[in-house]
Amino acid sequence: MDRTGQIAVIFVSQRTLNDDQGYAEAAEAMDALAARQPGYCGVDSARGADGLGITISWWADEASALAWRAHPEHAAIRERGRAEWYSRYKVAVAEVGRSYGWSDKS
Protein backbone atom coordinates (compact mmCIF):
# COMPACT_ATOMS: atom_id res chain seq x y z
CA MET A 1 0.00 0.00 0.00
CA ASP A 2 1.32 3.43 -0.89
CA ARG A 3 1.61 5.55 2.27
CA THR A 4 2.95 8.66 0.52
CA GLY A 5 1.41 11.78 2.04
CA GLN A 6 -0.04 9.96 5.05
CA ILE A 7 0.76 10.82 8.65
CA ALA A 8 2.63 8.11 10.56
CA VAL A 9 2.24 8.14 14.34
CA ILE A 10 5.12 5.98 15.58
CA PHE A 11 4.70 4.65 19.11
CA VAL A 12 7.72 2.88 20.64
CA SER A 13 6.97 1.37 24.03
CA GLN A 14 8.37 -0.86 26.72
CA ARG A 15 5.72 -3.06 28.38
CA THR A 16 5.70 -3.89 32.04
CA LEU A 17 4.79 -7.38 33.26
CA ASN A 18 1.48 -6.05 34.64
CA ASP A 19 -2.00 -7.21 33.59
CA ASP A 20 -1.42 -8.91 30.24
CA GLN A 21 -5.12 -9.70 29.82
CA GLY A 22 -6.21 -6.12 30.52
CA TYR A 23 -3.60 -4.84 28.12
CA ALA A 24 -4.69 -7.23 25.36
CA GLU A 25 -8.35 -6.28 25.82
CA ALA A 26 -7.55 -2.56 25.75
CA ALA A 27 -5.34 -2.93 22.67
CA GLU A 28 -8.10 -4.78 20.82
CA ALA A 29 -10.67 -2.15 21.82
CA MET A 30 -8.37 0.71 20.72
CA ASP A 31 -7.67 -0.99 17.38
CA ALA A 32 -11.42 -1.29 16.73
CA LEU A 33 -12.11 2.28 17.86
CA ALA A 34 -9.27 3.75 15.79
CA ALA A 35 -10.52 1.92 12.69
CA ARG A 36 -13.84 3.77 12.98
CA GLN A 37 -12.23 7.23 13.09
CA PRO A 38 -12.30 9.56 10.07
CA GLY A 39 -8.95 9.57 8.30
CA TYR A 40 -7.78 6.22 9.70
CA CYS A 41 -5.63 4.37 7.15
CA GLY A 42 -4.36 1.36 9.12
CA VAL A 43 -1.94 0.12 11.74
CA ASP A 44 1.25 -1.96 11.84
CA SER A 45 2.54 -3.34 15.12
CA ALA A 46 5.20 -5.68 16.50
CA ARG A 47 6.39 -6.56 19.99
CA GLY A 48 9.48 -8.54 20.97
CA ALA A 49 9.81 -11.10 23.73
CA ASP A 50 11.59 -8.43 25.79
CA GLY A 51 8.43 -6.27 25.76
CA LEU A 52 9.74 -3.64 23.34
CA GLY A 53 7.02 -2.73 20.86
CA ILE A 54 6.62 -0.50 17.83
CA THR A 55 3.19 0.49 16.60
CA ILE A 56 2.62 2.78 13.63
CA SER A 57 -0.84 4.14 13.09
CA TRP A 58 -1.48 5.65 9.68
CA TRP A 59 -3.69 8.71 9.14
CA ALA A 60 -4.86 10.60 6.06
CA ASP A 61 -3.80 13.96 7.49
CA GLU A 62 -2.56 15.75 10.59
CA ALA A 63 -6.08 16.74 11.67
CA SER A 64 -7.16 13.08 11.74
CA ALA A 65 -4.11 12.07 13.79
CA LEU A 66 -4.72 14.90 16.26
CA ALA A 67 -8.41 14.00 16.55
CA TRP A 68 -7.41 10.43 17.46
CA ARG A 69 -4.99 11.71 20.08
CA ALA A 70 -7.77 13.83 21.59
CA HIS A 71 -10.46 11.09 21.51
CA PRO A 72 -11.71 10.69 25.10
CA GLU A 73 -11.57 6.87 25.14
CA HIS A 74 -8.07 6.89 23.69
CA ALA A 75 -6.98 9.48 26.25
CA ALA A 76 -8.33 7.33 29.10
CA ILE A 77 -6.49 4.24 27.86
CA ARG A 78 -3.32 6.29 27.43
CA GLU A 79 -3.50 7.25 31.12
CA ARG A 80 -4.07 3.64 32.12
CA GLY A 81 -1.08 2.65 29.98
CA ARG A 82 1.15 5.08 31.84
CA ALA A 83 -0.09 3.79 35.19
CA GLU A 84 -0.04 0.04 34.47
CA TRP A 85 1.27 -1.23 31.15
CA TYR A 86 4.31 0.80 30.09
CA SER A 87 7.57 1.60 31.81
CA ARG A 88 8.34 4.10 29.04
CA TYR A 89 7.28 5.16 25.59
CA LYS A 90 8.13 7.64 22.85
CA VAL A 91 5.96 9.01 20.07
CA ALA A 92 7.11 10.49 16.78
CA VAL A 93 4.81 11.91 14.13
CA ALA A 94 5.90 12.27 10.51
CA GLU A 95 4.47 12.87 7.08
CA VAL A 96 5.52 10.14 4.66
CA GLY A 97 7.41 11.59 1.72
CA ARG A 98 7.94 8.32 -0.12
CA SER A 99 6.56 4.80 0.20
CA TYR A 100 7.20 1.50 -1.56
CA GLY A 101 7.30 -2.21 -0.84
CA TRP A 102 7.93 -5.70 -2.15
CA SER A 103 6.38 -9.11 -1.67
CA ASP A 104 7.38 -12.51 -3.03
CA LYS A 105 3.68 -13.56 -2.99
CA SER A 106 4.55 -17.08 -1.86
C-alpha atoms as a PDB file:
ATOM      1  CA  MET A   1       0.000   0.000   0.000  1.00  0.00           C
ATOM      2  CA  ASP A   2       1.320   3.426  -0.892  1.00  0.00           C
ATOM      3  CA  ARG A   3       1.609   5.545   2.268  1.00  0.00           C
ATOM      4  CA  THR A   4       2.954   8.661   0.516  1.00  0.00           C
ATOM      5  CA  GLY A   5       1.408  11.775   2.044  1.00  0.00           C
ATOM      6  CA  GLN A   6      -0.038   9.964   5.051  1.00  0.00           C
ATOM      7  CA  ILE A   7       0.756  10.823   8.653  1.00  0.00           C
ATOM      8  CA  ALA A   8       2.631   8.110  10.563  1.00  0.00           C
ATOM      9  CA  VAL A   9       2.241   8.140  14.342  1.00  0.00           C
ATOM     10  CA  ILE A  10       5.115   5.979  15.578  1.00  0.00           C
ATOM     11  CA  PHE A  11       4.697   4.652  19.114  1.00  0.00           C
ATOM     12  CA  VAL A  12       7.715   2.878  20.639  1.00  0.00           C
ATOM     13  CA  SER A  13       6.971   1.368  24.034  1.00  0.00           C
ATOM     14  CA  GLN A  14       8.373  -0.860  26.724  1.00  0.00           C
ATOM     15  CA  ARG A  15       5.725  -3.059  28.380  1.00  0.00           C
ATOM     16  CA  THR A  16       5.697  -3.893  32.042  1.00  0.00           C
ATOM     17  CA  LEU A  17       4.786  -7.380  33.262  1.00  0.00           C
ATOM     18  CA  ASN A  18       1.483  -6.053  34.640  1.00  0.00           C
ATOM     19  CA  ASP A  19      -2.000  -7.212  33.585  1.00  0.00           C
ATOM     20  CA  ASP A  20      -1.416  -8.910  30.237  1.00  0.00           C
ATOM     21  CA  GLN A  21      -5.122  -9.702  29.819  1.00  0.00           C
ATOM     22  CA  GLY A  22      -6.215  -6.123  30.522  1.00  0.00           C
ATOM     23  CA  TYR A  23      -3.596  -4.836  28.116  1.00  0.00           C
ATOM     24  CA  ALA A  24      -4.694  -7.232  25.359  1.00  0.00           C
ATOM     25  CA  GLU A  25      -8.347  -6.282  25.819  1.00  0.00           C
ATOM     26  CA  ALA A  26      -7.550  -2.563  25.746  1.00  0.00           C
ATOM     27  CA  ALA A  27      -5.337  -2.929  22.671  1.00  0.00           C
ATOM     28  CA  GLU A  28      -8.101  -4.781  20.819  1.00  0.00           C
ATOM     29  CA  ALA A  29     -10.670  -2.147  21.817  1.00  0.00           C
ATOM     30  CA  MET A  30      -8.374   0.706  20.716  1.00  0.00           C
ATOM     31  CA  ASP A  31      -7.667  -0.986  17.378  1.00  0.00           C
ATOM     32  CA  ALA A  32     -11.415  -1.287  16.728  1.00  0.00           C
ATOM     33  CA  LEU A  33     -12.107   2.285  17.858  1.00  0.00           C
ATOM     34  CA  ALA A  34      -9.273   3.755  15.785  1.00  0.00           C
ATOM     35  CA  ALA A  35     -10.520   1.915  12.690  1.00  0.00           C
ATOM     36  CA  ARG A  36     -13.843   3.770  12.976  1.00  0.00           C
ATOM     37  CA  GLN A  37     -12.235   7.234  13.091  1.00  0.00           C
ATOM     38  CA  PRO A  38     -12.302   9.556  10.074  1.00  0.00           C
ATOM     39  CA  GLY A  39      -8.949   9.568   8.301  1.00  0.00           C
ATOM     40  CA  TYR A  40      -7.776   6.221   9.698  1.00  0.00           C
ATOM     41  CA  CYS A  41      -5.626   4.366   7.147  1.00  0.00           C
ATOM     42  CA  GLY A  42      -4.356   1.359   9.119  1.00  0.00           C
ATOM     43  CA  VAL A  43      -1.939   0.118  11.742  1.00  0.00           C
ATOM     44  CA  ASP A  44       1.251  -1.958  11.838  1.00  0.00           C
ATOM     45  CA  SER A  45       2.537  -3.339  15.119  1.00  0.00           C
ATOM     46  CA  ALA A  46       5.197  -5.679  16.502  1.00  0.00           C
ATOM     47  CA  ARG A  47       6.388  -6.565  19.989  1.00  0.00           C
ATOM     48  CA  GLY A  48       9.477  -8.536  20.967  1.00  0.00           C
ATOM     49  CA  ALA A  49       9.808 -11.103  23.734  1.00  0.00           C
ATOM     50  CA  ASP A  50      11.592  -8.428  25.794  1.00  0.00           C
ATOM     51  CA  GLY A  51       8.432  -6.271  25.760  1.00  0.00           C
ATOM     52  CA  LEU A  52       9.742  -3.637  23.339  1.00  0.00           C
ATOM     53  CA  GLY A  53       7.022  -2.728  20.857  1.00  0.00           C
ATOM     54  CA  ILE A  54       6.622  -0.503  17.830  1.00  0.00           C
ATOM     55  CA  THR A  55       3.191   0.491  16.598  1.00  0.00           C
ATOM     56  CA  ILE A  56       2.624   2.777  13.630  1.00  0.00           C
ATOM     57  CA  SER A  57      -0.845   4.141  13.087  1.00  0.00           C
ATOM     58  CA  TRP A  58      -1.480   5.653   9.682  1.00  0.00           C
ATOM     59  CA  TRP A  59      -3.693   8.705   9.136  1.00  0.00           C
ATOM     60  CA  ALA A  60      -4.859  10.596   6.060  1.00  0.00           C
ATOM     61  CA  ASP A  61      -3.801  13.956   7.493  1.00  0.00           C
ATOM     62  CA  GLU A  62      -2.561  15.752  10.593  1.00  0.00           C
ATOM     63  CA  ALA A  63      -6.083  16.736  11.669  1.00  0.00           C
ATOM     64  CA  SER A  64      -7.156  13.076  11.744  1.00  0.00           C
ATOM     65  CA  ALA A  65      -4.114  12.073  13.792  1.00  0.00           C
ATOM     66  CA  LEU A  66      -4.719  14.904  16.262  1.00  0.00           C
ATOM     67  CA  ALA A  67      -8.408  14.000  16.550  1.00  0.00           C
ATOM     68  CA  TRP A  68      -7.415  10.431  17.456  1.00  0.00           C
ATOM     69  CA  ARG A  69      -4.986  11.707  20.077  1.00  0.00           C
ATOM     70  CA  ALA A  70      -7.775  13.830  21.594  1.00  0.00           C
ATOM     71  CA  HIS A  71     -10.456  11.090  21.506  1.00  0.00           C
ATOM     72  CA  PRO A  72     -11.711  10.686  25.104  1.00  0.00           C
ATOM     73  CA  GLU A  73     -11.571   6.870  25.144  1.00  0.00           C
ATOM     74  CA  HIS A  74      -8.070   6.892  23.686  1.00  0.00           C
ATOM     75  CA  ALA A  75      -6.978   9.479  26.254  1.00  0.00           C
ATOM     76  CA  ALA A  76      -8.335   7.330  29.105  1.00  0.00           C
ATOM     77  CA  ILE A  77      -6.494   4.236  27.861  1.00  0.00           C
ATOM     78  CA  ARG A  78      -3.320   6.294  27.432  1.00  0.00           C
ATOM     79  CA  GLU A  79      -3.501   7.255  31.124  1.00  0.00           C
ATOM     80  CA  ARG A  80      -4.065   3.636  32.120  1.00  0.00           C
ATOM     81  CA  GLY A  81      -1.082   2.647  29.984  1.00  0.00           C
ATOM     82  CA  ARG A  82       1.147   5.084  31.840  1.00  0.00           C
ATOM     83  CA  ALA A  83      -0.091   3.785  35.187  1.00  0.00           C
ATOM     84  CA  GLU A  84      -0.038   0.044  34.466  1.00  0.00           C
ATOM     85  CA  TRP A  85       1.272  -1.234  31.153  1.00  0.00           C
ATOM     86  CA  TYR A  86       4.310   0.800  30.091  1.00  0.00           C
ATOM     87  CA  SER A  87       7.570   1.595  31.810  1.00  0.00           C
ATOM     88  CA  ARG A  88       8.342   4.103  29.041  1.00  0.00           C
ATOM     89  CA  TYR A  89       7.283   5.157  25.589  1.00  0.00           C
ATOM     90  CA  LYS A  90       8.132   7.638  22.849  1.00  0.00           C
ATOM     91  CA  VAL A  91       5.956   9.006  20.070  1.00  0.00           C
ATOM     92  CA  ALA A  92       7.112  10.489  16.776  1.00  0.00           C
ATOM     93  CA  VAL A  93       4.812  11.911  14.134  1.00  0.00           C
ATOM     94  CA  ALA A  94       5.897  12.266  10.515  1.00  0.00           C
ATOM     95  CA  GLU A  95       4.468  12.868   7.076  1.00  0.00           C
ATOM     96  CA  VAL A  96       5.521  10.141   4.657  1.00  0.00           C
ATOM     97  CA  GLY A  97       7.412  11.589   1.718  1.00  0.00           C
ATOM     98  CA  ARG A  98       7.936   8.315  -0.123  1.00  0.00           C
ATOM     99  CA  SER A  99       6.558   4.801   0.202  1.00  0.00           C
ATOM    100  CA  TYR A 100       7.200   1.504  -1.562  1.00  0.00           C
ATOM    101  CA  GLY A 101       7.300  -2.213  -0.837  1.00  0.00           C
ATOM    102  CA  TRP A 102       7.930  -5.695  -2.147  1.00  0.00           C
ATOM    103  CA  SER A 103       6.377  -9.114  -1.668  1.00  0.00           C
ATOM    104  CA  ASP A 104       7.385 -12.514  -3.033  1.00  0.00           C
ATOM    105  CA  LYS A 105       3.676 -13.557  -2.994  1.00  0.00           C
ATOM    106  CA  SER A 106       4.551 -17.084  -1.858  1.00  0.00           C
END
